[in-house]
Protein backbone atom coordinates (compact mmCIF):
# COMPACT_ATOMS: atom_id res chain seq x y z
CA LEU A 1 3.13 36.65 -14.65
CA ASP A 2 4.92 36.26 -11.32
CA TYR A 3 2.93 39.05 -9.71
CA GLU A 4 -0.30 37.84 -11.27
CA HIS A 5 -0.01 34.42 -9.65
CA ARG A 6 1.05 35.87 -6.33
CA MET A 7 -1.75 38.43 -6.41
CA GLU A 8 -4.21 35.60 -7.07
CA TYR A 9 -3.19 34.05 -3.75
CA ILE A 10 -3.31 37.38 -1.86
CA VAL A 11 -6.71 38.39 -3.26
CA ARG A 12 -8.14 34.96 -2.41
CA ARG A 13 -6.82 35.12 1.13
CA LYS A 14 -7.94 38.71 1.80
CA THR A 15 -11.19 38.96 -0.19
CA GLY A 16 -12.26 35.37 -0.80
CA ARG A 17 -12.61 36.04 -4.56
CA ARG A 18 -10.71 34.65 -7.51
CA TRP A 19 -8.15 36.86 -9.22
CA ARG A 20 -9.09 38.26 -12.60
CA THR A 21 -6.87 40.55 -14.67
CA ASN A 22 -9.68 43.03 -15.30
CA ALA A 23 -11.30 42.73 -11.88
CA PHE A 24 -9.31 45.60 -10.35
CA SER A 25 -7.98 48.88 -11.65
CA SER A 26 -4.29 49.66 -12.00
CA PRO A 27 -4.10 51.56 -8.68
CA THR A 28 -5.59 48.54 -6.95
CA ILE A 29 -2.95 46.26 -8.46
CA GLN A 30 -0.21 48.64 -7.41
CA LEU A 31 -1.63 48.80 -3.88
CA LEU A 32 -1.72 45.00 -3.67
CA GLN A 33 1.87 44.85 -4.94
CA VAL A 34 2.96 47.23 -2.19
CA ILE A 35 1.08 45.16 0.41
CA TYR A 36 2.74 42.01 -0.88
CA SER A 37 6.21 43.58 -0.73
CA ILE A 38 5.67 44.74 2.86
CA GLU A 39 4.32 41.33 3.90
CA SER A 40 7.26 39.56 2.26
CA LEU A 41 9.77 41.83 3.98
CA ILE A 42 8.21 41.35 7.43
CA PHE A 43 7.88 37.59 6.91
CA HIS A 44 11.51 37.25 5.80
CA VAL A 45 12.77 39.06 8.89
CA VAL A 46 10.56 37.08 11.29
CA TYR A 47 11.09 33.60 9.93
CA HIS A 48 14.84 34.01 9.44
CA PHE A 49 15.11 35.23 13.03
CA ASN A 50 13.11 32.25 14.33
CA LEU A 51 15.01 29.86 12.10
CA SER A 52 18.40 31.06 13.28
CA ARG A 53 17.26 30.90 16.89
CA HIS A 54 16.02 27.28 16.62
CA LEU A 55 18.69 25.87 14.31
CA THR A 56 21.79 27.01 16.19
CA ALA A 57 21.30 24.88 19.29
CA PRO A 58 24.79 23.60 20.22
CA GLY A 59 25.70 20.22 21.62
CA LYS A 60 24.12 18.02 18.94
CA GLU A 61 26.10 16.20 16.29
CA SER A 62 24.48 15.22 13.02
CA ASN A 63 24.60 11.70 11.68
CA ILE A 64 25.23 12.24 7.99
CA LEU A 65 28.14 14.72 8.20
CA PRO A 66 30.58 12.37 10.01
CA PHE A 67 29.53 9.57 7.68
CA VAL A 68 30.24 11.61 4.55
CA LYS A 69 33.57 12.87 5.92
CA LYS A 70 34.62 9.34 6.86
CA TYR A 71 33.44 7.34 3.85
CA GLY A 72 32.89 9.99 1.18
CA LEU A 73 29.71 8.19 0.11
CA ASN A 74 26.03 8.94 -0.08
CA PRO A 75 24.50 6.76 2.68
CA VAL A 76 21.37 6.21 0.57
CA THR A 77 22.73 5.40 -2.88
CA GLY A 78 26.34 4.52 -2.07
CA LYS A 79 27.68 6.92 -4.71
CA LYS A 80 30.58 9.28 -4.07
CA MET A 81 29.62 12.42 -2.19
CA LYS A 82 31.30 15.43 -0.59
CA ALA A 83 30.23 17.32 2.51
CA GLY A 84 29.82 20.48 0.42
CA GLU A 85 26.97 18.85 -1.51
CA LEU A 86 24.74 18.82 1.57
CA ILE A 87 21.85 21.28 1.43
CA LYS A 88 20.64 23.48 4.27
CA LEU A 89 16.84 23.33 4.48
CA ASN A 90 14.89 26.33 5.77
CA PHE A 91 11.73 25.32 7.65
CA ALA A 92 9.17 28.00 8.53
CA LYS A 93 7.11 28.14 11.73
CA ASN A 94 3.77 29.70 12.55
CA ALA A 95 2.85 31.73 15.63
CA ASP A 96 2.21 28.52 17.59
CA GLY A 97 5.72 27.25 16.91
CA LYS A 98 4.59 24.54 14.48
CA PHE A 99 6.30 23.91 11.15
CA HIS A 100 4.15 24.95 8.22
CA CYS A 101 4.23 25.98 4.58
CA PRO A 102 5.14 29.70 4.31
CA VAL A 103 2.78 30.12 1.34
CA THR A 104 -0.39 28.20 2.23
CA PHE A 105 0.26 28.45 6.00
CA LYS A 106 -0.89 24.83 6.42
CA VAL A 107 0.77 22.97 9.29
CA PHE A 108 2.90 19.98 8.31
CA ASN A 109 1.78 16.56 9.54
CA GLN A 110 2.38 12.92 8.64
CA ASN A 111 0.05 13.17 5.64
CA THR A 112 1.55 16.32 4.09
CA HIS A 113 3.49 16.14 0.84
CA ILE A 114 6.59 18.24 1.67
CA VAL A 115 9.15 19.44 -0.89
CA ALA A 116 12.15 21.77 -0.90
CA VAL A 117 13.89 23.91 -3.53
CA ARG A 118 17.52 22.87 -3.99
CA THR A 119 18.87 26.33 -4.90
CA THR A 120 17.42 28.13 -1.86
CA GLY A 121 16.69 25.33 0.62
CA ASN A 122 13.22 26.73 1.34
CA VAL A 123 10.64 24.12 2.31
CA TYR A 124 7.04 24.24 1.02
CA SER A 125 4.04 22.01 0.69
CA TYR A 126 3.82 20.35 -2.69
CA GLU A 127 0.37 21.88 -3.12
CA ALA A 128 1.85 25.40 -3.22
CA VAL A 129 4.73 24.47 -5.54
CA GLU A 130 2.46 22.56 -7.91
CA ARG A 131 -0.05 25.39 -8.17
CA LEU A 132 2.21 28.44 -8.28
CA ASN A 133 5.31 26.98 -9.96
CA ILE A 134 4.67 23.81 -11.95
CA LYS A 135 1.21 24.52 -13.37
CA ALA A 136 2.02 28.19 -13.93
CA ASN A 137 5.36 27.27 -15.55
CA ASN A 138 6.95 29.86 -13.27
CA TYR A 139 10.05 28.31 -11.74
CA SER A 140 10.99 31.04 -9.27
CA ASP A 141 11.27 30.55 -5.52
CA LEU A 142 8.03 31.65 -3.89
CA LEU A 143 9.88 33.63 -1.20
CA THR A 144 13.09 34.87 -2.80
CA SER A 145 12.08 34.82 -6.52
CA GLU A 146 15.35 33.00 -7.25
CA PRO A 147 15.00 30.90 -10.42
CA PHE A 148 15.27 27.11 -10.34
CA THR A 149 14.45 24.13 -12.53
CA LYS A 150 11.96 21.33 -12.09
CA GLU A 151 14.82 18.97 -11.23
CA ASP A 152 15.67 21.21 -8.25
CA ILE A 153 12.45 20.20 -6.46
CA ILE A 154 13.42 17.74 -3.71
CA THR A 155 10.78 15.52 -2.12
CA ILE A 156 11.18 15.43 1.65
CA GLN A 157 8.00 13.55 2.53
CA ASP A 158 5.47 11.87 0.26
CA PRO A 159 2.79 9.69 1.92
CA THR A 160 1.97 8.07 -1.44
CA GLN A 161 5.53 6.81 -2.06
CA LEU A 162 6.59 5.09 1.12
CA GLU A 163 8.92 2.69 -0.67
CA LYS A 164 11.17 5.61 -1.58
CA PHE A 165 11.90 6.20 2.09
CA ASN A 166 12.33 2.55 3.07
CA ILE A 167 15.58 2.56 5.03
CA SER A 168 16.07 -1.17 4.52
CA ALA A 169 17.06 -0.34 0.93
CA PHE A 170 19.59 2.33 1.95
CA TYR A 171 23.22 1.63 1.15
CA HIS A 172 24.56 1.95 4.70
CA VAL A 173 21.81 -0.32 6.08
CA ARG A 174 22.27 -3.05 3.49
CA ASN A 175 26.01 -3.02 4.15
CA ASN A 176 25.69 -2.69 7.96
CA MET A 177 27.92 0.39 7.94
CA LEU A 178 26.07 2.14 10.76
CA GLU A 179 23.39 1.38 13.30
CA LYS A 180 19.79 2.28 12.64
CA ALA A 181 19.56 5.89 11.48
CA ASP A 182 17.77 8.51 13.51
CA ALA A 183 14.00 8.61 12.96
CA ASN A 184 14.08 12.02 11.32
CA ALA A 185 16.88 11.02 8.95
CA THR A 186 14.73 8.36 7.29
CA VAL A 187 12.68 10.91 5.38
CA ILE A 188 15.55 12.93 3.84
CA ARG A 189 18.20 11.71 1.47
CA SER A 190 20.83 14.20 2.63
CA ALA A 191 20.69 16.71 5.45
CA ASN A 192 23.09 18.72 7.58
CA GLN A 193 23.27 19.17 11.32
CA GLU A 194 20.84 22.09 11.47
CA THR A 195 18.26 20.25 9.38
CA LYS A 196 18.39 17.22 11.64
CA GLU A 197 17.94 19.38 14.72
CA THR A 198 14.94 20.98 13.02
CA LEU A 199 13.43 17.60 12.24
CA ALA A 200 14.02 16.48 15.83
CA GLU A 201 11.94 19.42 16.98
CA LEU A 202 9.39 18.69 14.28
CA ALA A 203 8.99 15.17 15.67
CA LYS A 204 7.83 16.64 18.97
CA THR A 205 4.84 18.10 17.14
CA LYS A 206 3.39 14.61 16.48
CA LEU A 207 5.05 14.28 13.05
CA GLU A 208 5.78 10.60 13.47
CA ILE A 209 6.94 8.09 10.91
CA PRO A 210 4.69 5.02 10.58
CA ASP A 211 6.12 1.85 12.07
CA TYR A 212 5.85 -0.04 8.81
CA MET A 213 8.53 2.24 7.28
CA TYR A 214 11.16 0.64 9.53
CA SER A 215 12.68 -2.56 8.27
CA ASN A 216 13.32 -3.97 11.75
CA LYS A 217 9.75 -3.56 12.98
CA PRO A 218 7.12 -6.18 12.16
CA LYS A 219 4.18 -5.15 9.99
CA VAL A 220 1.88 -7.51 11.87
CA ASP A 221 0.94 -6.99 15.49
CA PRO A 222 2.63 -9.79 17.48
CA ASN A 223 -0.27 -9.73 19.96
CA ALA A 224 -2.89 -10.22 17.26
CA LYS A 225 -5.13 -13.25 17.70
CA ALA A 226 -4.61 -16.11 15.30
CA ARG A 227 -7.52 -16.85 12.98
CA ASP A 228 -8.99 -20.33 13.14
CA ALA A 229 -12.22 -22.14 12.31
CA PHE A 230 -13.90 -20.79 15.46
CA ASN A 231 -13.21 -17.06 15.35
CA THR A 232 -13.29 -16.47 11.58
CA ALA A 233 -15.98 -13.92 10.73
CA HIS A 234 -18.19 -13.96 7.63
CA TYR A 235 -17.06 -10.41 6.79
CA SER A 236 -13.63 -9.00 5.92
CA THR A 237 -11.35 -6.65 7.84
CA GLY A 238 -12.14 -3.78 5.46
CA LYS A 239 -8.47 -3.04 4.74
CA ALA A 240 -8.90 -3.46 0.99
CA ALA A 241 -11.73 -0.92 0.87
CA ALA A 242 -9.84 1.48 3.13
CA SER A 243 -6.72 1.33 0.95
CA LEU A 244 -8.87 2.10 -2.10
CA THR A 245 -10.63 5.13 -0.61
CA SER A 246 -7.85 6.57 1.56
CA THR A 247 -4.45 7.76 0.34
CA VAL A 248 -2.80 7.32 3.75
CA MET A 249 -3.52 3.59 3.95
CA GLU A 250 -1.05 1.00 2.75
CA PRO A 251 -2.21 -0.55 -0.56
CA ASN A 252 -3.95 -3.85 0.03
CA VAL A 253 -5.90 -5.99 -2.45
CA LEU A 254 -6.27 -9.11 -0.29
CA LEU A 255 -9.67 -9.78 1.28
CA GLU A 256 -8.95 -11.20 4.72
CA PRO A 257 -11.73 -12.43 7.03
CA ALA A 258 -12.02 -10.53 10.28
CA VAL A 259 -11.26 -12.18 13.62
CA LEU A 260 -14.14 -12.29 16.09
CA GLU A 261 -13.69 -11.31 19.71
CA ASP A 262 -13.25 -14.12 22.22
CA ASP A 263 -16.53 -13.35 23.99
CA VAL A 264 -18.47 -13.49 20.72
CA VAL A 265 -17.06 -16.95 20.02
CA ARG A 266 -17.60 -18.22 23.56
CA TYR A 267 -21.16 -16.94 23.92
CA ARG A 268 -22.13 -18.67 20.67
CA TYR A 269 -21.66 -22.06 22.32
CA VAL A 270 -23.34 -21.28 25.64
CA LYS A 271 -26.59 -23.29 25.49
CA SER A 272 -27.29 -24.15 29.14
CA LYS A 273 -28.30 -22.25 32.25
CA GLY A 274 -26.17 -21.47 35.26
CA TYR A 275 -27.04 -22.03 38.91
CA ALA A 276 -25.74 -20.26 42.01
CA ARG A 277 -26.65 -19.63 45.66
CA LEU A 278 -26.42 -16.53 47.85
CA VAL A 279 -26.11 -17.33 51.56
CA THR A 280 -27.53 -14.42 53.59
CA THR A 281 -28.13 -13.71 57.25
CA HIS A 282 -31.83 -14.39 56.70
CA GLY A 283 -31.54 -17.55 54.61
CA ASN A 284 -30.46 -18.84 51.22
CA LEU A 285 -31.41 -17.63 47.74
CA ASN A 286 -31.03 -20.21 44.96
CA LEU A 287 -30.69 -18.52 41.58
CA GLU A 288 -31.17 -19.70 38.01
CA LEU A 289 -29.20 -17.78 35.37
CA HIS A 290 -30.34 -17.52 31.75
CA CYS A 291 -26.81 -17.72 30.36
CA GLU A 292 -27.98 -18.65 26.86
CA LEU A 293 -30.12 -15.49 26.63
CA THR A 294 -28.02 -12.88 28.43
CA PRO A 295 -24.48 -14.30 28.39
CA LYS A 296 -22.50 -11.22 29.35
CA THR A 297 -24.68 -10.29 32.33
CA CYS A 298 -24.72 -13.84 33.67
CA GLU A 299 -20.97 -14.26 33.24
CA ASN A 300 -20.42 -11.04 35.16
CA PHE A 301 -22.56 -12.38 38.03
CA ILE A 302 -20.85 -15.79 38.07
CA ARG A 303 -17.35 -14.37 38.03
CA LEU A 304 -18.17 -11.91 40.81
CA CYS A 305 -19.61 -14.78 42.86
CA GLU A 306 -16.55 -16.98 42.31
CA SER A 307 -14.19 -14.15 43.28
CA GLY A 308 -16.09 -13.45 46.51
CA TYR A 309 -16.99 -9.92 45.46
CA PHE A 310 -20.50 -10.12 46.95
CA VAL A 311 -19.34 -11.41 50.34
CA ASP A 312 -20.21 -8.95 53.16
CA CYS A 313 -22.36 -6.86 50.79
CA ILE A 314 -25.52 -5.65 52.53
CA PHE A 315 -29.02 -5.20 51.13
CA HIS A 316 -28.95 -1.42 51.24
CA ARG A 317 -32.46 -0.84 49.89
CA VAL A 318 -35.70 -2.67 50.69
CA ILE A 319 -39.14 -1.55 49.49
CA ARG A 320 -42.00 -3.70 50.75
CA HIS A 321 -43.98 -5.46 48.00
CA PHE A 322 -41.53 -4.09 45.46
CA ILE A 323 -37.80 -4.90 45.42
CA ILE A 324 -34.67 -5.57 47.46
CA GLN A 325 -31.33 -4.28 46.20
CA SER A 326 -27.73 -5.35 46.89
CA GLY A 327 -24.34 -5.87 45.20
CA ASP A 328 -22.64 -2.63 46.31
CA PRO A 329 -19.60 -3.19 48.58
CA THR A 330 -19.86 0.40 49.81
CA GLY A 331 -23.46 -0.10 50.93
CA THR A 332 -24.51 3.30 49.55
CA GLY A 333 -26.04 2.32 46.23
CA LEU A 334 -23.45 4.40 44.38
CA GLY A 335 -20.56 1.93 44.18
CA GLY A 336 -19.80 -1.42 42.61
CA ASP A 337 -17.87 -2.57 39.57
CA SER A 338 -18.09 -5.32 36.98
CA CYS A 339 -15.68 -8.22 36.73
CA TRP A 340 -14.01 -6.58 33.70
CA GLY A 341 -13.69 -3.18 35.33
CA GLY A 342 -16.14 -0.44 34.40
CA ALA A 343 -19.65 -0.77 33.04
CA PHE A 344 -20.96 -3.07 30.31
CA ALA A 345 -23.84 -2.82 27.87
CA ASP A 346 -27.48 -3.75 28.45
CA GLU A 347 -28.87 -7.06 27.23
CA PHE A 348 -32.58 -7.35 26.40
CA GLN A 349 -34.67 -10.36 25.48
CA PRO A 350 -38.44 -10.15 24.79
CA GLN A 351 -39.23 -13.31 26.78
CA LEU A 352 -37.53 -11.96 29.91
CA LYS A 353 -40.00 -9.72 31.71
CA HIS A 354 -40.21 -8.24 35.20
CA ASP A 355 -43.70 -9.47 35.92
CA SER A 356 -43.31 -12.22 38.53
CA ARG A 357 -42.08 -12.72 42.04
CA GLY A 358 -38.39 -13.60 42.38
CA VAL A 359 -37.15 -12.10 39.10
CA LEU A 360 -33.59 -10.84 39.58
CA SER A 361 -32.02 -8.26 37.27
CA MET A 362 -29.30 -5.61 37.05
CA ALA A 363 -29.65 -2.20 38.69
CA ASN A 364 -27.82 0.68 37.05
CA SER A 365 -27.76 4.46 36.70
CA GLY A 366 -28.66 4.68 33.02
CA PRO A 367 -28.30 2.96 29.65
CA ASN A 368 -25.26 0.66 29.34
CA SER A 369 -24.04 1.35 32.88
CA ASN A 370 -24.33 -2.12 34.44
CA LYS A 371 -21.75 -3.06 37.06
CA SER A 372 -22.46 -5.27 40.08
CA GLN A 373 -25.68 -4.06 41.72
CA LEU A 374 -28.67 -6.41 41.61
CA GLN A 375 -32.34 -6.12 42.48
CA VAL A 376 -34.94 -8.80 43.19
CA LEU A 377 -38.56 -8.21 42.25
CA LYS A 378 -40.92 -9.24 45.04
CA ALA A 379 -44.41 -8.27 43.91
CA MET A 380 -46.61 -9.72 41.15
CA GLN A 381 -46.49 -6.52 39.11
CA SER A 382 -44.09 -4.90 36.72
CA VAL A 383 -41.55 -2.37 37.88
CA GLU A 384 -42.75 0.01 35.20
CA GLN A 385 -46.25 -0.03 36.67
CA LYS A 386 -44.88 0.57 40.16
CA ALA A 387 -42.76 3.51 38.99
CA TYR A 388 -45.72 4.97 37.11
CA ARG A 389 -47.94 4.66 40.18
CA PHE A 390 -45.48 6.73 42.22
CA ARG A 391 -45.20 9.23 39.32
CA LYS A 392 -41.44 8.99 39.15
CA VAL A 393 -38.74 7.06 37.35
CA SER A 394 -36.83 4.55 39.42
CA SER A 395 -33.28 5.55 40.31
CA PHE A 396 -32.09 2.11 39.16
CA PRO A 397 -33.62 1.49 35.69
CA ILE A 398 -34.21 -2.14 34.78
CA THR A 399 -31.99 -3.68 32.11
CA ILE A 400 -32.95 -7.34 31.90
CA GLY A 401 -34.48 -10.16 33.88
CA SER A 402 -31.45 -12.38 33.46
CA LEU A 403 -31.76 -14.35 36.71
CA ARG A 404 -34.56 -15.94 38.68
CA VAL A 405 -34.95 -17.07 42.28
CA VAL A 406 -35.88 -20.77 42.12
CA GLY A 407 -35.34 -21.59 45.78
CA GLY A 408 -35.57 -19.66 49.02
CA LEU A 409 -38.67 -17.59 48.38
CA GLU A 410 -39.29 -17.72 52.12
CA THR A 411 -36.10 -15.68 52.50
CA LEU A 412 -37.75 -12.93 50.47
CA ASP A 413 -40.68 -13.02 52.89
CA LYS A 414 -38.34 -12.50 55.85
CA VAL A 415 -36.49 -9.63 54.18
CA GLU A 416 -39.73 -8.05 53.02
CA PHE A 417 -40.96 -7.21 56.52
CA VAL A 418 -37.70 -5.80 57.87
CA GLU A 419 -38.20 -2.28 59.21
CA THR A 420 -36.68 0.52 57.11
CA ASP A 421 -36.08 4.24 57.51
CA LYS A 422 -37.44 7.03 55.33
CA ASP A 423 -34.78 6.31 52.68
CA ASP A 424 -35.84 2.62 52.41
CA ARG A 425 -32.65 1.51 54.17
CA PRO A 426 -33.14 -1.53 56.47
CA LEU A 427 -32.68 -0.85 60.17
CA GLU A 428 -31.59 -4.46 60.59
CA GLU A 429 -28.43 -5.57 58.79
CA ILE A 430 -29.09 -8.00 55.94
CA LYS A 431 -25.77 -9.28 54.63
CA ILE A 432 -24.51 -11.78 52.04
CA LEU A 433 -22.31 -14.27 53.88
CA ALA A 434 -21.15 -16.50 51.01
CA CYS A 435 -21.62 -17.23 47.30
CA GLN A 436 -21.70 -20.67 45.73
CA VAL A 437 -21.66 -21.46 42.00
CA PHE A 438 -23.02 -24.90 41.11
CA VAL A 439 -23.06 -24.77 37.30
CA ASN A 440 -20.75 -22.52 35.28
CA PRO A 441 -21.45 -23.06 31.55
CA TYR A 442 -18.70 -20.61 30.57
CA LYS A 443 -16.03 -22.77 32.12
CA GLU A 444 -17.37 -25.77 30.23
CA VAL A 445 -17.33 -23.85 26.94
CA ASP A 446 -13.75 -22.66 27.54
CA GLU A 447 -12.64 -26.24 28.12
CA MET A 448 -14.46 -27.42 24.99
CA LEU A 449 -12.93 -24.68 22.83
CA ALA A 450 -9.44 -25.37 24.17
CA ARG A 451 -9.86 -29.10 23.53
CA GLU A 452 -11.27 -28.67 20.02
CA ARG A 453 -8.60 -26.14 19.05
CA LYS A 454 -5.89 -28.46 20.28
CA GLU A 455 -7.31 -31.36 18.28
CA ALA A 456 -7.65 -29.18 15.17
CA LYS A 457 -4.04 -28.05 15.51
CA GLU A 458 -2.85 -31.64 15.90
CA LYS A 459 -4.80 -32.69 12.81
CA GLU A 460 -3.34 -29.81 10.82
CA THR A 461 0.18 -30.70 11.92
CA LEU A 462 -0.38 -34.34 11.03
CA ALA A 463 -1.81 -33.38 7.65
CA GLN A 464 1.26 -31.29 6.89
CA LYS A 465 3.55 -34.17 7.75
CA THR A 466 1.61 -36.67 5.67
CA GLN A 467 0.91 -34.30 2.79
CA VAL A 468 1.06 -36.11 -0.52
CA ILE A 469 2.85 -34.21 -3.25
CA PRO A 470 1.05 -34.73 -6.58
CA LYS A 471 2.97 -36.31 -9.38
CA PRO A 472 4.16 -33.93 -12.10
CA GLY A 473 1.59 -33.74 -14.86
CA ASN A 474 -1.30 -35.06 -12.75
CA ARG A 475 -3.55 -32.04 -13.10
CA ARG A 476 -6.47 -33.51 -11.17
CA GLU A 477 -4.39 -34.04 -8.04
CA GLU A 478 -2.85 -30.58 -8.34
CA GLU A 479 -6.28 -28.93 -8.59
CA ALA A 480 -7.51 -30.89 -5.57
CA MET A 481 -4.50 -29.78 -3.54
CA GLU A 482 -5.00 -26.14 -4.53
CA ALA A 483 -8.69 -26.29 -3.59
CA THR A 484 -7.81 -27.71 -0.17
CA LYS A 485 -5.25 -24.96 0.43
CA ARG A 486 -7.73 -22.24 -0.53
CA ALA A 487 -10.37 -23.68 1.79
CA LYS A 488 -7.94 -23.78 4.72
CA LYS A 489 -6.78 -20.24 3.98
CA ARG A 490 -10.34 -18.92 4.06
CA GLY A 491 -11.03 -20.81 7.28
CA LEU A 492 -13.95 -22.71 5.77
CA SER A 493 -13.18 -26.01 7.43
CA GLY A 494 -15.95 -27.59 9.42
CA ARG A 495 -16.84 -25.91 12.72
CA PRO A 496 -17.56 -28.22 15.66
CA HIS A 497 -20.97 -28.12 17.28
CA PHE A 498 -21.39 -28.49 21.03
CA LYS A 499 -24.35 -30.21 22.58
CA SER A 500 -26.36 -28.44 25.25
CA VAL A 501 -25.66 -29.48 28.84
CA ILE A 502 -28.87 -30.26 30.73
CA VAL A 503 -28.67 -29.78 34.50
CA THR A 504 -31.36 -31.07 36.83
CA PHE A 505 -31.77 -30.52 40.56
């Protein structure tokens, strides 16, 4: 029976077929037995050599051995224990130096169920032990054939039973007998010096213990944004579904609303347009920004203007009756950056078209690559028609018409007739001297949100102080209080609505 189960594994690995008793003749079985014996002999020599080489590194002192010698107790359970009861575990490595199961040859990671045999100390994956020992009712070590019992199977790591390895419940932690144990010691009940050195090397191979297994580390991210009536989403975080479909996720049955990003919340309340001015060497350009339609693009432009990013930028490309292009501090058409660093996504609106004089939009190098470069349309025709007429695609594809020149069209006339070279670069320097922002709707929204959140927090604090405790036995009051608590927990309290700000010039 022992050989039959082992031959099943060898035949699968070498031929890809399942083992059947009558599938091969007797000579074939004998040949496979010889091959197995040779493989086992070679493997024993190699892995024992590697193990002795890696586990005899001097200069490191284990944590559990001094504890047992000093207190004579098991640091996990607190029961009496002797140093002789510690078990030496034998970890196997593959050719790449990674710890793996010597039977299935699968590399150990944070999601592997790892077990060891008490009588031999050999470490396997639970998959191999379950299939070749437990289900086959063959309790012999898979490498040495030494018999053992089911109680001799020691669980080293089990991703499905994290509570078992919770160090906050360990005896020496509850009684403050030692400082926090070493990271590798949290996954083994008892281990000697060589085992701990092995686990220290195993940790270098990305076998890390999740943070939530430590009692002194918070389960909740301290930098996480607090959920309130403004940023509460209408959908959940998905943690409950993930814990149901994935075995590596922490069990969770609570449906928690997701928290929206700050920009999503802010842009929801932007209802007005922005206004800015570019002061150039050839005159002023007064711009109207459609902040309510393309909020991210307009905010990028406003923040760059307020920071002085466009100052001293030249118009590096001018095509008569077509466009003028600027916004690159390098003046080459290849530079520029957004206010957040890097590129941001395109924003399209059907009512914003490039079909009129003075339309200003982003210039980029491809989809979702907007940074700081801008282009102003000068002719009464679409850019797509112009590009088609020249039988080529523009090197700065249009994203949106998010801005519009509402004052200073005569400046466009001056720039239009500036002489250029063969690369459409003006021979006369056209530079942006200053940027002025007249209306910034994002600043107004930020102030409104801060004010409303402060008022909501004050009301909540006042409500907690003046909370009326229902009288015992008054079921109606108790139900009303519970309904109010559930509504606040779900974040269903009334959301404030901001009125649009109308700006006239």
